[in-house]
Amino acid sequence: MSAEIERDQRRWMAHQRLVLAVRELRTEQRGEAMRRFVELAWREFESEGVSWLGFYVDHPDAPSEHRLVLECCAPKPACSPIGLHGACGQALTSAKPLVVRDVAELGANYIACDPRDRSEVVVPCLDGTGRAWGVLDLDSHEVGAFGNGDASMLQVSLLGAGLSAR
């Protein structure tokens, strides 16, 4: 079995464990639910090629270059605030997940908080009307570390945790 298939199988199992673990977060306040989600997700994904993960929350009244503010993350701080031109801003404004196979393809639109990062998946957190109020961002030092399956499973996890309505 190839190393990529084994990695995908391990990641799938980590997603399954996260989906089950986050159900208890539905009753918590949004800020606390985000912090607990980060703790649970980091525990599942730190050994699966994820170098960083965190939530950015939209501040719609702020200038576009300061709209997204880091709410919580693991394992280290990151850039904050950030603008809407990067991957997080694209996922927020489109209200759709974004999988970036190679961050070099984003060119000037990539916000490099850690120059070692090579791929990213960003999943919007949606309110009941479908408007994004924030995003969950995962980074990896490996090119092609994330796929559409990761984005889909993260959406399920956010829904299960009550951090997204759709």
C-alpha atoms as a PDB file:
ATOM      1  CA  MET A   1       0.000   0.000   0.000  1.00  0.00           C
ATOM      2  CA  SER A   2       1.374   3.429  -0.908  1.00  0.00           C
ATOM      3  CA  ALA A   3       2.291   5.955   1.754  1.00  0.00           C
ATOM      4  CA  GLU A   4      -0.314   8.368   0.374  1.00  0.00           C
ATOM      5  CA  ILE A   5      -3.120   5.826   0.714  1.00  0.00           C
ATOM      6  CA  GLU A   6      -2.031   4.996   4.253  1.00  0.00           C
ATOM      7  CA  ARG A   7      -1.959   8.715   5.120  1.00  0.00           C
ATOM      8  CA  ASP A   8      -5.445   9.178   3.655  1.00  0.00           C
ATOM      9  CA  GLN A   9      -6.778   6.222   5.677  1.00  0.00           C
ATOM     10  CA  ARG A  10      -5.253   7.555   8.908  1.00  0.00           C
ATOM     11  CA  ARG A  11      -6.619  11.031   8.179  1.00  0.00           C
ATOM     12  CA  TRP A  12     -10.092   9.564   7.480  1.00  0.00           C
ATOM     13  CA  MET A  13     -10.038   7.822  10.853  1.00  0.00           C
ATOM     14  CA  ALA A  14      -8.934  11.075  12.527  1.00  0.00           C
ATOM     15  CA  HIS A  15     -11.865  12.868  10.870  1.00  0.00           C
ATOM     16  CA  GLN A  16     -14.247  10.174  12.120  1.00  0.00           C
ATOM     17  CA  ARG A  17     -12.962  10.504  15.685  1.00  0.00           C
ATOM     18  CA  LEU A  18     -13.282  14.295  15.487  1.00  0.00           C
ATOM     19  CA  VAL A  19     -16.875  14.106  14.206  1.00  0.00           C
ATOM     20  CA  LEU A  20     -17.801  11.959  17.216  1.00  0.00           C
ATOM     21  CA  ALA A  21     -15.887  14.081  19.727  1.00  0.00           C
ATOM     22  CA  VAL A  22     -17.282  17.478  18.735  1.00  0.00           C
ATOM     23  CA  ARG A  23     -20.953  16.642  19.250  1.00  0.00           C
ATOM     24  CA  GLU A  24     -20.702  17.708  22.889  1.00  0.00           C
ATOM     25  CA  LEU A  25     -19.671  21.242  21.840  1.00  0.00           C
ATOM     26  CA  ARG A  26     -23.123  22.165  20.483  1.00  0.00           C
ATOM     27  CA  THR A  27     -24.264  23.528  23.827  1.00  0.00           C
ATOM     28  CA  GLU A  28     -21.241  25.752  24.445  1.00  0.00           C
ATOM     29  CA  GLN A  29     -20.813  29.439  23.641  1.00  0.00           C
ATOM     30  CA  ARG A  30     -19.193  30.028  20.235  1.00  0.00           C
ATOM     31  CA  GLY A  31     -15.815  31.177  21.601  1.00  0.00           C
ATOM     32  CA  GLU A  32     -15.506  28.242  23.977  1.00  0.00           C
ATOM     33  CA  ALA A  33     -16.727  25.805  21.316  1.00  0.00           C
ATOM     34  CA  MET A  34     -14.045  27.090  18.925  1.00  0.00           C
ATOM     35  CA  ARG A  35     -11.313  26.687  21.552  1.00  0.00           C
ATOM     36  CA  ARG A  36     -12.429  23.152  22.389  1.00  0.00           C
ATOM     37  CA  PHE A  37     -12.760  22.291  18.680  1.00  0.00           C
ATOM     38  CA  VAL A  38      -9.149  23.422  18.133  1.00  0.00           C
ATOM     39  CA  GLU A  39      -7.963  21.281  21.058  1.00  0.00           C
ATOM     40  CA  LEU A  40      -9.800  18.201  19.766  1.00  0.00           C
ATOM     41  CA  ALA A  41      -8.807  18.721  16.132  1.00  0.00           C
ATOM     42  CA  TRP A  42      -5.158  19.363  16.990  1.00  0.00           C
ATOM     43  CA  ARG A  43      -5.037  16.162  19.030  1.00  0.00           C
ATOM     44  CA  GLU A  44      -6.352  14.247  15.985  1.00  0.00           C
ATOM     45  CA  PHE A  45      -4.346  15.946  13.230  1.00  0.00           C
ATOM     46  CA  GLU A  46      -0.973  16.971  14.669  1.00  0.00           C
ATOM     47  CA  SER A  47       0.498  13.578  13.723  1.00  0.00           C
ATOM     48  CA  GLU A  48      -1.293  13.567  10.326  1.00  0.00           C
ATOM     49  CA  GLY A  49       0.722  16.254   8.548  1.00  0.00           C
ATOM     50  CA  VAL A  50      -1.166  19.281   9.858  1.00  0.00           C
ATOM     51  CA  SER A  51       1.277  21.986  10.959  1.00  0.00           C
ATOM     52  CA  TRP A  52      -1.259  24.515  12.236  1.00  0.00           C
ATOM     53  CA  LEU A  53      -5.004  25.033  12.603  1.00  0.00           C
ATOM     54  CA  GLY A  54      -7.189  27.834  13.822  1.00  0.00           C
ATOM     55  CA  PHE A  55     -10.338  29.911  13.536  1.00  0.00           C
ATOM     56  CA  TYR A  56     -10.442  33.378  12.024  1.00  0.00           C
ATOM     57  CA  VAL A  57     -13.584  35.411  12.793  1.00  0.00           C
ATOM     58  CA  ASP A  58     -14.943  38.072  10.443  1.00  0.00           C
ATOM     59  CA  HIS A  59     -15.224  41.665  11.620  1.00  0.00           C
ATOM     60  CA  PRO A  60     -17.310  43.078   8.766  1.00  0.00           C
ATOM     61  CA  ASP A  61     -17.056  46.703   9.922  1.00  0.00           C
ATOM     62  CA  ALA A  62     -13.235  46.639   9.852  1.00  0.00           C
ATOM     63  CA  PRO A  63     -11.219  47.672   6.775  1.00  0.00           C
ATOM     64  CA  SER A  64     -10.836  44.729   4.364  1.00  0.00           C
ATOM     65  CA  GLU A  65      -7.153  44.260   5.265  1.00  0.00           C
ATOM     66  CA  HIS A  66      -8.130  43.736   8.929  1.00  0.00           C
ATOM     67  CA  ARG A  67     -11.420  41.829   8.585  1.00  0.00           C
ATOM     68  CA  LEU A  68     -10.288  38.411   9.804  1.00  0.00           C
ATOM     69  CA  VAL A  69      -9.073  38.173  13.388  1.00  0.00           C
ATOM     70  CA  LEU A  70      -7.542  35.025  14.836  1.00  0.00           C
ATOM     71  CA  GLU A  71      -9.782  33.722  17.612  1.00  0.00           C
ATOM     72  CA  CYS A  72      -7.919  30.564  18.639  1.00  0.00           C
ATOM     73  CA  CYS A  73      -5.331  28.204  17.169  1.00  0.00           C
ATOM     74  CA  ALA A  74      -2.787  25.447  17.749  1.00  0.00           C
ATOM     75  CA  PRO A  75       0.097  24.894  18.185  1.00  0.00           C
ATOM     76  CA  LYS A  76       1.397  28.493  17.900  1.00  0.00           C
ATOM     77  CA  PRO A  77       0.155  32.027  17.198  1.00  0.00           C
ATOM     78  CA  ALA A  78      -0.269  33.188  13.599  1.00  0.00           C
ATOM     79  CA  CYS A  79      -0.861  36.383  11.632  1.00  0.00           C
ATOM     80  CA  SER A  80      -3.765  38.496  12.861  1.00  0.00           C
ATOM     81  CA  PRO A  81      -5.612  40.420  11.658  1.00  0.00           C
ATOM     82  CA  ILE A  82      -5.491  39.371   8.028  1.00  0.00           C
ATOM     83  CA  GLY A  83      -7.205  40.675   4.920  1.00  0.00           C
ATOM     84  CA  LEU A  84      -9.700  39.171   2.547  1.00  0.00           C
ATOM     85  CA  HIS A  85      -7.225  38.644  -0.324  1.00  0.00           C
ATOM     86  CA  GLY A  86      -5.774  35.363   0.998  1.00  0.00           C
ATOM     87  CA  ALA A  87      -7.187  31.838   1.088  1.00  0.00           C
ATOM     88  CA  CYS A  88      -9.146  32.540   4.283  1.00  0.00           C
ATOM     89  CA  GLY A  89     -10.713  35.646   2.763  1.00  0.00           C
ATOM     90  CA  GLN A  90     -11.610  33.764  -0.407  1.00  0.00           C
ATOM     91  CA  ALA A  91     -13.352  31.022   1.578  1.00  0.00           C
ATOM     92  CA  LEU A  92     -15.120  33.608   3.734  1.00  0.00           C
ATOM     93  CA  THR A  93     -16.429  35.734   0.851  1.00  0.00           C
ATOM     94  CA  SER A  94     -17.447  32.768  -1.312  1.00  0.00           C
ATOM     95  CA  ALA A  95     -18.879  30.862   1.686  1.00  0.00           C
ATOM     96  CA  LYS A  96     -17.318  27.745   0.129  1.00  0.00           C
ATOM     97  CA  PRO A  97     -14.421  25.523   1.235  1.00  0.00           C
ATOM     98  CA  LEU A  98     -11.085  26.127  -0.446  1.00  0.00           C
ATOM     99  CA  VAL A  99      -8.420  23.449  -0.885  1.00  0.00           C
ATOM    100  CA  VAL A 100      -5.024  24.853  -1.860  1.00  0.00           C
ATOM    101  CA  ARG A 101      -2.804  22.047  -3.106  1.00  0.00           C
ATOM    102  CA  ASP A 102       0.259  24.303  -3.366  1.00  0.00           C
ATOM    103  CA  VAL A 103       0.240  27.740  -1.743  1.00  0.00           C
ATOM    104  CA  ALA A 104       2.810  28.935  -4.301  1.00  0.00           C
ATOM    105  CA  GLU A 105      -0.044  28.897  -6.842  1.00  0.00           C
ATOM    106  CA  LEU A 106      -1.735  31.732  -4.910  1.00  0.00           C
ATOM    107  CA  GLY A 107       1.187  34.094  -5.612  1.00  0.00           C
ATOM    108  CA  ALA A 108       0.724  37.505  -4.041  1.00  0.00           C
ATOM    109  CA  ASN A 109      -2.645  36.397  -2.637  1.00  0.00           C
ATOM    110  CA  TYR A 110      -0.990  33.998  -0.205  1.00  0.00           C
ATOM    111  CA  ILE A 111      -0.589  35.228   3.368  1.00  0.00           C
ATOM    112  CA  ALA A 112       2.477  33.394   4.656  1.00  0.00           C
ATOM    113  CA  CYS A 113       2.326  33.205   8.446  1.00  0.00           C
ATOM    114  CA  ASP A 114       4.792  30.278   8.373  1.00  0.00           C
ATOM    115  CA  PRO A 115       7.078  30.135   5.323  1.00  0.00           C
ATOM    116  CA  ARG A 116       7.301  26.332   5.666  1.00  0.00           C
ATOM    117  CA  ASP A 117       3.599  25.862   4.888  1.00  0.00           C
ATOM    118  CA  ARG A 118       2.941  24.363   1.456  1.00  0.00           C
ATOM    119  CA  SER A 119      -0.787  23.522   1.417  1.00  0.00           C
ATOM    120  CA  GLU A 120      -3.965  24.620   3.107  1.00  0.00           C
ATOM    121  CA  VAL A 121      -7.655  23.850   3.503  1.00  0.00           C
ATOM    122  CA  VAL A 122     -10.083  26.564   4.620  1.00  0.00           C
ATOM    123  CA  VAL A 123     -13.695  25.841   5.546  1.00  0.00           C
ATOM    124  CA  PRO A 124     -16.207  28.628   6.177  1.00  0.00           C
ATOM    125  CA  CYS A 125     -18.392  28.669   9.285  1.00  0.00           C
ATOM    126  CA  LEU A 126     -21.904  29.575   8.136  1.00  0.00           C
ATOM    127  CA  ASP A 127     -24.853  31.099   9.945  1.00  0.00           C
ATOM    128  CA  GLY A 128     -28.442  30.028   9.284  1.00  0.00           C
ATOM    129  CA  THR A 129     -28.716  32.296   6.230  1.00  0.00           C
ATOM    130  CA  GLY A 130     -25.590  30.830   4.628  1.00  0.00           C
ATOM    131  CA  ARG A 131     -23.400  33.872   5.389  1.00  0.00           C
ATOM    132  CA  ALA A 132     -19.889  33.073   6.630  1.00  0.00           C
ATOM    133  CA  TRP A 133     -19.051  34.504  10.058  1.00  0.00           C
ATOM    134  CA  GLY A 134     -15.581  32.956  10.182  1.00  0.00           C
ATOM    135  CA  VAL A 135     -13.335  30.217   8.814  1.00  0.00           C
ATOM    136  CA  LEU A 136     -11.479  27.161  10.031  1.00  0.00           C
ATOM    137  CA  ASP A 137      -7.985  27.080   8.498  1.00  0.00           C
ATOM    138  CA  LEU A 138      -5.603  24.089   8.442  1.00  0.00           C
ATOM    139  CA  ASP A 139      -2.036  24.278   7.089  1.00  0.00           C
ATOM    140  CA  SER A 140       0.597  21.678   6.236  1.00  0.00           C
ATOM    141  CA  HIS A 141       4.280  21.725   5.354  1.00  0.00           C
ATOM    142  CA  GLU A 142       3.520  19.159   2.594  1.00  0.00           C
ATOM    143  CA  VAL A 143       2.317  20.027  -0.908  1.00  0.00           C
ATOM    144  CA  GLY A 144      -1.012  18.339  -1.624  1.00  0.00           C
ATOM    145  CA  ALA A 145      -1.654  17.406   1.991  1.00  0.00           C
ATOM    146  CA  PHE A 146      -5.388  18.173   1.772  1.00  0.00           C
ATOM    147  CA  GLY A 147      -8.169  17.166  -0.569  1.00  0.00           C
ATOM    148  CA  ASN A 148     -11.870  17.712  -1.050  1.00  0.00           C
ATOM    149  CA  GLY A 149     -12.548  14.838   1.358  1.00  0.00           C
ATOM    150  CA  ASP A 150     -10.795  16.775   4.130  1.00  0.00           C
ATOM    151  CA  ALA A 151     -12.900  19.845   3.377  1.00  0.00           C
ATOM    152  CA  SER A 152     -16.111  17.790   3.424  1.00  0.00           C
ATOM    153  CA  MET A 153     -15.288  16.050   6.694  1.00  0.00           C
ATOM    154  CA  LEU A 154     -14.310  19.346   8.334  1.00  0.00           C
ATOM    155  CA  GLN A 155     -17.684  20.767   7.256  1.00  0.00           C
ATOM    156  CA  VAL A 156     -19.392  17.800   8.932  1.00  0.00           C
ATOM    157  CA  SER A 157     -17.332  18.359  12.090  1.00  0.00           C
ATOM    158  CA  LEU A 158     -18.184  22.076  12.200  1.00  0.00           C
ATOM    159  CA  LEU A 159     -21.860  21.278  11.722  1.00  0.00           C
ATOM    160  CA  GLY A 160     -21.711  18.641  14.463  1.00  0.00           C
ATOM    161  CA  ALA A 161     -20.043  21.104  16.831  1.00  0.00           C
ATOM    162  CA  GLY A 162     -22.678  23.751  16.155  1.00  0.00           C
ATOM    163  CA  LEU A 163     -20.045  26.035  14.616  1.00  0.00           C
ATOM    164  CA  SER A 164     -21.700  26.050  11.204  1.00  0.00           C
ATOM    165  CA  ALA A 165     -25.387  25.878  10.323  1.00  0.00           C
ATOM    166  CA  ARG A 166     -24.896  24.361   6.859  1.00  0.00           C
END
